[in-house]
Amino acid sequence: MYFSVVIPLYNKKDYIGRAIASVLEQSFNDYELLIVDDGSTDGGADVVTEFDDPRIHLVKQKNGGCSAARNRGIQEASAEYIAFLDADDIWLPNFLQSIYEMIKVYPQAGVYSTACGLVNSENKQSNVQLAGIPGGSGWRGIVPNYFRCLDGGWSPVWSNCVCVPMTTFRAVGTFNEKLHIGEDIDMWVRIALKFPMAFLNEVHAMYFRNAEGRVSNADNPGEPPLSYAGEVLRVIETGQVNDYDASSMKYFLDKFNYLSAVACLRIGMPRLSRQWIAQIGKTRGNLRLKIWLVIILSYLPASAGKSVVRFRESL
């Protein structure tokens, strides 16, 4: 068995069948599919049992959050390479084949990922624009600087189009179950500090932004700071990276704190939004203006901040 595919499931009855079908349609078929039902109450597990395929294994547990579900999948996995897919997203048919080919070419990498397409509420598709990737569409290689990539607003590693060797988890640990927002970014940062990251700039997965109950719509965004922040700052302060990389790392932290603050406004938690903003240091001018807008919105009634953020996102 080459891959263990892990799908965390919590109240995604309307989407889980689509996700499973996309895995079963893979051109590379040497895998097991572990679906971890994290205490769903909507009957999503019943949808899973409707699929008759010996590679599918349904694991049930009490609700512990997305990280707990992913960690349970890692624990139950039989393969040395763990691929992740969210229950409300899909893979395109050659995703696993593309990951397999990258593993053969870049065996030293600590994570493998492909580009991801976006589907909005009107079912329109677009591609994620990444900074810090040296080639255009079709480029494959080791990401030069993971922290620089967030300048474009998106990470080259997403939880629905990523594969992590078991050796990587043994080196950096599993997902932080105390985090309710950014638990995936926390993992990718910990990996980036220790391993090369392999990336294929071709779309082999789709992220549905209109799905209900996404992590970005969670009721509890979590308290700052994130666990990786201290490790990133330690690397900078001890001179383990050059000035350019250090600048990229600092900007990465500021950008993610800003995005977390916006997420808090989106769900009507302005006080927590201000706490995330308070973590931000000196930033570039284009981000500084956005920070001031978030600060202003955080002092308005929660409904006002929520409406402004959601209206902007709808555009």
Protein backbone atom coordinates (compact mmCIF):
# COMPACT_ATOMS: atom_id res chain seq x y z
CA MET A 1 0.00 0.00 0.00
CA TYR A 2 1.60 3.25 -1.17
CA PHE A 3 -0.76 5.97 0.13
CA SER A 4 -3.09 6.32 3.09
CA VAL A 5 -5.70 8.93 2.20
CA VAL A 6 -7.22 10.70 5.23
CA ILE A 7 -10.52 12.62 5.11
CA PRO A 8 -11.73 14.23 8.38
CA LEU A 9 -15.52 14.26 8.46
CA TYR A 10 -17.74 16.48 10.58
CA ASN A 11 -21.28 17.32 9.44
CA LYS A 12 -20.49 17.29 5.72
CA LYS A 13 -23.28 14.96 4.61
CA ASP A 14 -23.95 17.00 1.48
CA TYR A 15 -20.34 16.90 0.33
CA ILE A 16 -18.60 13.74 1.56
CA GLY A 17 -19.95 11.57 -1.26
CA ARG A 18 -18.41 13.93 -3.82
CA ALA A 19 -15.05 13.82 -2.04
CA ILE A 20 -15.03 10.01 -1.81
CA ALA A 21 -15.94 9.67 -5.49
CA SER A 22 -13.00 11.88 -6.46
CA VAL A 23 -10.63 9.56 -4.58
CA LEU A 24 -12.11 6.42 -6.14
CA GLU A 25 -11.63 7.97 -9.59
CA GLN A 26 -7.85 8.35 -9.13
CA SER A 27 -5.67 6.96 -11.92
CA PHE A 28 -3.22 5.74 -9.26
CA ASN A 29 -5.08 3.17 -7.15
CA ASP A 30 -2.59 1.74 -4.67
CA TYR A 31 -4.10 3.36 -1.57
CA GLU A 32 -6.44 3.00 1.38
CA LEU A 33 -9.06 5.61 2.22
CA LEU A 34 -9.50 6.44 5.91
CA ILE A 35 -12.54 8.57 6.71
CA VAL A 36 -12.51 9.77 10.30
CA ASP A 37 -16.00 10.66 11.48
CA ASP A 38 -15.36 13.24 14.19
CA GLY A 39 -18.70 12.93 15.97
CA SER A 40 -20.93 13.98 13.07
CA THR A 41 -24.62 14.46 13.83
CA ASP A 42 -25.99 14.91 10.30
CA GLY A 43 -25.73 11.33 9.04
CA GLY A 44 -22.58 11.87 7.02
CA ALA A 45 -21.21 8.49 8.12
CA ASP A 46 -24.23 6.81 6.53
CA VAL A 47 -23.19 8.26 3.17
CA VAL A 48 -19.76 6.69 3.60
CA THR A 49 -21.23 3.22 4.18
CA GLU A 50 -23.10 3.43 0.88
CA PHE A 51 -19.78 3.04 -0.97
CA ASP A 52 -18.82 -0.59 -1.58
CA ASP A 53 -15.05 -0.56 -1.89
CA PRO A 54 -12.65 -2.58 0.31
CA ARG A 55 -10.15 0.30 0.36
CA ILE A 56 -12.57 2.49 2.35
CA HIS A 57 -12.34 2.37 6.15
CA LEU A 58 -14.68 4.39 8.37
CA VAL A 59 -13.27 5.35 11.76
CA LYS A 60 -15.55 6.93 14.36
CA GLN A 61 -14.57 9.04 17.36
CA LYS A 62 -16.00 11.67 19.68
CA ASN A 63 -15.83 15.21 18.39
CA GLY A 64 -12.34 16.59 18.93
CA GLY A 65 -11.86 18.97 16.03
CA CYS A 66 -10.22 18.77 12.63
CA SER A 67 -6.70 18.28 13.98
CA ALA A 68 -7.81 15.41 16.21
CA ALA A 69 -9.49 13.76 13.21
CA ARG A 70 -6.41 14.14 11.02
CA ASN A 71 -4.20 12.81 13.80
CA ARG A 72 -6.47 9.79 14.21
CA GLY A 73 -6.12 9.15 10.50
CA ILE A 74 -2.34 9.32 10.78
CA GLN A 75 -2.48 6.90 13.71
CA GLU A 76 -4.63 4.42 11.74
CA ALA A 77 -2.64 4.72 8.50
CA SER A 78 -0.90 1.68 7.04
CA ALA A 79 1.16 3.48 4.38
CA GLU A 80 4.29 5.61 4.68
CA TYR A 81 2.77 8.49 2.71
CA ILE A 82 -0.31 10.25 4.08
CA ALA A 83 -2.42 12.28 1.65
CA PHE A 84 -5.13 14.61 2.97
CA LEU A 85 -8.42 15.73 1.47
CA ASP A 86 -11.12 17.85 3.11
CA ALA A 87 -14.63 16.39 3.10
CA ASP A 88 -16.06 19.30 1.11
CA ASP A 89 -13.40 19.38 -1.62
CA ILE A 90 -12.27 17.08 -4.43
CA TRP A 91 -9.19 15.78 -6.20
CA LEU A 92 -8.87 15.67 -9.95
CA PRO A 93 -8.13 12.18 -11.35
CA ASN A 94 -4.32 12.49 -11.57
CA PHE A 95 -3.63 13.96 -8.12
CA LEU A 96 -2.11 10.84 -6.54
CA GLN A 97 -0.19 10.00 -9.71
CA SER A 98 1.33 13.49 -9.69
CA ILE A 99 2.32 13.15 -6.03
CA TYR A 100 3.82 9.69 -6.70
CA GLU A 101 6.00 11.11 -9.49
CA MET A 102 7.21 13.96 -7.26
CA ILE A 103 8.16 11.52 -4.51
CA LYS A 104 10.36 9.63 -6.98
CA VAL A 105 12.07 12.81 -8.18
CA TYR A 106 12.36 14.59 -4.79
CA PRO A 107 12.68 11.86 -2.13
CA GLN A 108 14.26 14.35 0.29
CA ALA A 109 11.14 16.52 0.54
CA GLY A 110 9.16 16.67 3.76
CA VAL A 111 5.86 17.46 2.02
CA TYR A 112 4.41 17.26 -1.50
CA SER A 113 1.64 19.44 -2.91
CA THR A 114 0.00 20.58 -6.13
CA ALA A 115 -1.81 23.76 -7.12
CA CYS A 116 -5.47 24.06 -6.22
CA GLY A 117 -8.39 25.62 -8.04
CA LEU A 118 -11.07 27.71 -6.34
CA VAL A 119 -14.83 27.39 -6.82
CA ASN A 120 -16.92 30.32 -5.55
CA SER A 121 -20.56 30.51 -4.49
CA GLU A 122 -21.63 31.01 -8.11
CA ASN A 123 -19.73 27.87 -9.14
CA LYS A 124 -17.14 29.91 -11.03
CA GLN A 125 -13.60 28.54 -11.07
CA SER A 126 -10.32 30.38 -10.71
CA ASN A 127 -6.72 29.47 -9.93
CA VAL A 128 -4.74 30.47 -6.86
CA GLN A 129 -2.03 33.05 -7.59
CA LEU A 130 1.21 32.21 -5.83
CA ALA A 131 4.22 34.39 -5.13
CA GLY A 132 7.73 32.98 -4.81
CA ILE A 133 7.30 30.18 -7.38
CA PRO A 134 10.05 30.51 -10.03
CA GLY A 135 8.12 28.99 -12.96
CA GLY A 136 4.68 29.33 -14.42
CA SER A 137 1.98 26.72 -14.93
CA GLY A 138 3.43 23.23 -15.03
CA TRP A 139 6.53 24.10 -12.99
CA ARG A 140 7.66 21.32 -10.66
CA GLY A 141 10.42 21.56 -8.08
CA ILE A 142 11.51 22.48 -4.57
CA VAL A 143 9.87 25.67 -3.29
CA PRO A 144 12.71 28.22 -2.87
CA ASN A 145 11.18 30.03 0.10
CA TYR A 146 7.87 28.91 1.60
CA PHE A 147 7.52 32.11 3.64
CA ARG A 148 7.85 34.29 0.54
CA CYS A 149 4.93 32.49 -1.10
CA LEU A 150 2.35 34.02 1.23
CA ASP A 151 3.02 37.42 -0.32
CA GLY A 152 0.50 36.38 -2.94
CA GLY A 153 -2.08 35.68 -0.23
CA TRP A 154 -2.07 31.89 -0.65
CA SER A 155 0.06 29.01 0.50
CA PRO A 156 1.48 26.47 -1.98
CA VAL A 157 0.49 23.78 0.54
CA TRP A 158 -3.21 23.25 1.29
CA SER A 159 -4.88 20.62 3.43
CA ASN A 160 -6.84 19.29 0.45
CA CYS A 161 -3.93 18.75 -1.96
CA VAL A 162 -1.02 17.64 0.19
CA CYS A 163 0.89 14.49 1.02
CA VAL A 164 3.21 14.10 4.01
CA PRO A 165 5.66 11.21 4.59
CA MET A 166 5.29 9.47 7.92
CA THR A 167 8.96 10.25 8.57
CA THR A 168 8.08 13.95 8.53
CA PHE A 169 5.45 13.51 11.24
CA ARG A 170 7.98 11.61 13.33
CA ALA A 171 10.36 14.57 13.04
CA VAL A 172 7.98 17.53 13.59
CA GLY A 173 4.99 15.97 15.36
CA THR A 174 1.36 15.82 14.26
CA PHE A 175 -1.34 18.52 14.04
CA ASN A 176 -1.77 20.81 17.04
CA GLU A 177 -5.17 19.91 18.52
CA LYS A 178 -5.27 23.10 20.60
CA LEU A 179 -5.61 25.28 17.50
CA HIS A 180 -9.01 25.91 15.92
CA ILE A 181 -7.78 28.13 13.13
CA GLY A 182 -4.53 27.83 11.21
CA GLU A 183 -3.79 24.31 12.45
CA ASP A 184 -2.83 23.34 8.90
CA ILE A 185 -0.58 26.39 8.41
CA ASP A 186 1.01 25.59 11.77
CA MET A 187 1.94 22.17 10.39
CA TRP A 188 3.30 23.44 7.08
CA VAL A 189 5.46 26.02 8.84
CA ARG A 190 6.94 23.40 11.17
CA ILE A 191 7.74 21.28 8.13
CA ALA A 192 9.21 24.22 6.18
CA LEU A 193 11.64 24.95 9.03
CA LYS A 194 13.12 21.45 8.74
CA PHE A 195 12.51 20.04 5.24
CA PRO A 196 12.41 20.98 1.55
CA MET A 197 8.89 21.32 0.13
CA ALA A 198 8.08 19.86 -3.31
CA PHE A 199 5.39 21.56 -5.40
CA LEU A 200 3.73 21.02 -8.78
CA ASN A 201 2.16 24.16 -10.26
CA GLU A 202 -0.71 22.29 -11.91
CA VAL A 203 -4.26 22.21 -10.56
CA HIS A 204 -5.08 18.73 -9.28
CA ALA A 205 -7.63 19.62 -6.58
CA MET A 206 -10.59 21.95 -6.16
CA TYR A 207 -11.43 24.02 -3.09
CA PHE A 208 -15.12 24.88 -2.74
CA ARG A 209 -15.37 28.23 -0.95
CA ASN A 210 -19.17 28.02 -0.83
CA ALA A 211 -19.26 24.84 1.29
CA GLU A 212 -20.95 25.19 4.68
CA GLY A 213 -18.92 24.73 7.84
CA ARG A 214 -15.44 25.31 6.42
CA VAL A 215 -12.62 25.79 8.89
CA SER A 216 -12.66 29.49 7.95
CA ASN A 217 -16.27 29.62 9.13
CA ALA A 218 -15.53 27.91 12.46
CA ASP A 219 -17.24 29.14 15.62
CA ASN A 220 -14.02 29.23 17.64
CA PRO A 221 -11.05 30.76 15.78
CA GLY A 222 -8.70 30.15 18.70
CA GLU A 223 -6.52 32.43 20.80
CA PRO A 224 -3.22 33.88 19.50
CA PRO A 225 -0.35 33.34 19.26
CA LEU A 226 0.07 30.25 17.09
CA SER A 227 2.51 27.62 18.30
CA TYR A 228 4.92 27.97 15.39
CA ALA A 229 5.47 31.71 15.86
CA GLY A 230 8.00 31.26 18.64
CA GLU A 231 10.01 28.74 16.62
CA VAL A 232 10.08 31.02 13.57
CA LEU A 233 11.28 33.96 15.68
CA ARG A 234 13.92 31.76 17.35
CA VAL A 235 15.31 30.82 13.93
CA ILE A 236 15.49 34.50 12.99
CA GLU A 237 17.00 35.71 16.26
CA THR A 238 19.73 33.05 16.30
CA GLY A 239 20.89 34.05 12.82
CA GLN A 240 20.04 30.75 11.12
CA VAL A 241 18.69 32.54 8.03
CA ASN A 242 19.86 35.45 5.90
CA ASP A 243 18.25 38.90 6.02
CA TYR A 244 16.00 38.23 3.01
CA ASP A 245 14.61 35.01 4.49
CA ALA A 246 14.23 36.64 7.90
CA SER A 247 12.21 39.48 6.33
CA SER A 248 10.01 36.94 4.53
CA MET A 249 9.42 35.03 7.76
CA LYS A 250 8.43 38.16 9.68
CA TYR A 251 6.06 39.23 6.93
CA PHE A 252 4.58 35.72 6.86
CA LEU A 253 3.75 35.92 10.56
CA ASP A 254 2.22 39.38 10.17
CA LYS A 255 0.17 38.28 7.17
CA PHE A 256 -1.24 35.25 8.90
CA ASN A 257 -2.10 37.25 12.01
CA TYR A 258 -3.92 39.71 9.76
CA LEU A 259 -5.86 36.93 7.98
CA SER A 260 -6.82 35.45 11.35
CA ALA A 261 -8.06 38.86 12.51
CA VAL A 262 -10.23 39.12 9.40
CA ALA A 263 -11.59 35.61 10.05
CA CYS A 264 -12.62 36.74 13.54
CA LEU A 265 -14.47 39.75 12.11
CA ARG A 266 -16.21 37.44 9.64
CA ILE A 267 -17.80 35.44 12.44
CA GLY A 268 -18.56 38.44 14.67
CA MET A 269 -15.72 38.28 17.24
CA PRO A 270 -14.13 41.78 17.14
CA ARG A 271 -12.38 41.48 20.53
CA LEU A 272 -10.50 38.39 19.37
CA SER A 273 -9.75 40.15 16.09
CA ARG A 274 -7.92 42.89 18.02
CA GLN A 275 -5.88 40.24 19.85
CA TRP A 276 -4.65 38.83 16.54
CA ILE A 277 -3.84 42.32 15.25
CA ALA A 278 -1.85 42.99 18.43
CA GLN A 279 0.57 40.21 17.43
CA ILE A 280 1.63 42.10 14.30
CA GLY A 281 4.99 43.86 14.18
CA LYS A 282 6.28 46.29 11.57
CA THR A 283 4.87 45.45 8.15
CA ARG A 284 5.05 46.69 4.58
CA GLY A 285 2.85 49.61 3.63
CA ASN A 286 0.24 47.65 1.65
CA LEU A 287 -0.55 45.45 4.64
CA ARG A 288 -0.40 48.33 7.14
CA LEU A 289 -3.40 50.01 5.48
CA LYS A 290 -5.42 46.80 5.70
CA ILE A 291 -4.51 46.44 9.37
CA TRP A 292 -5.90 49.88 10.16
CA LEU A 293 -9.13 48.99 8.39
CA VAL A 294 -9.46 45.83 10.52
CA ILE A 295 -8.78 47.82 13.70
CA ILE A 296 -11.51 50.32 12.80
CA LEU A 297 -13.98 47.55 12.00
CA SER A 298 -13.14 45.76 15.26
CA TYR A 299 -14.46 48.72 17.26
CA LEU A 300 -17.77 48.80 15.40
CA PRO A 301 -20.70 46.55 16.35
CA ALA A 302 -19.91 42.91 15.55
CA SER A 303 -22.66 42.77 12.93
CA ALA A 304 -21.12 45.70 11.04
CA GLY A 305 -17.66 44.14 10.85
CA LYS A 306 -19.15 40.82 9.78
CA SER A 307 -21.19 42.46 7.03
CA VAL A 308 -18.25 44.46 5.63
CA VAL A 309 -15.92 41.44 5.49
CA ARG A 310 -18.50 39.15 3.90
CA PHE A 311 -19.50 41.84 1.36
CA ARG A 312 -15.86 42.33 0.39
CA GLU A 313 -15.35 38.58 -0.02
CA SER A 314 -18.48 38.33 -2.18
CA LEU A 315 -16.88 40.76 -4.63
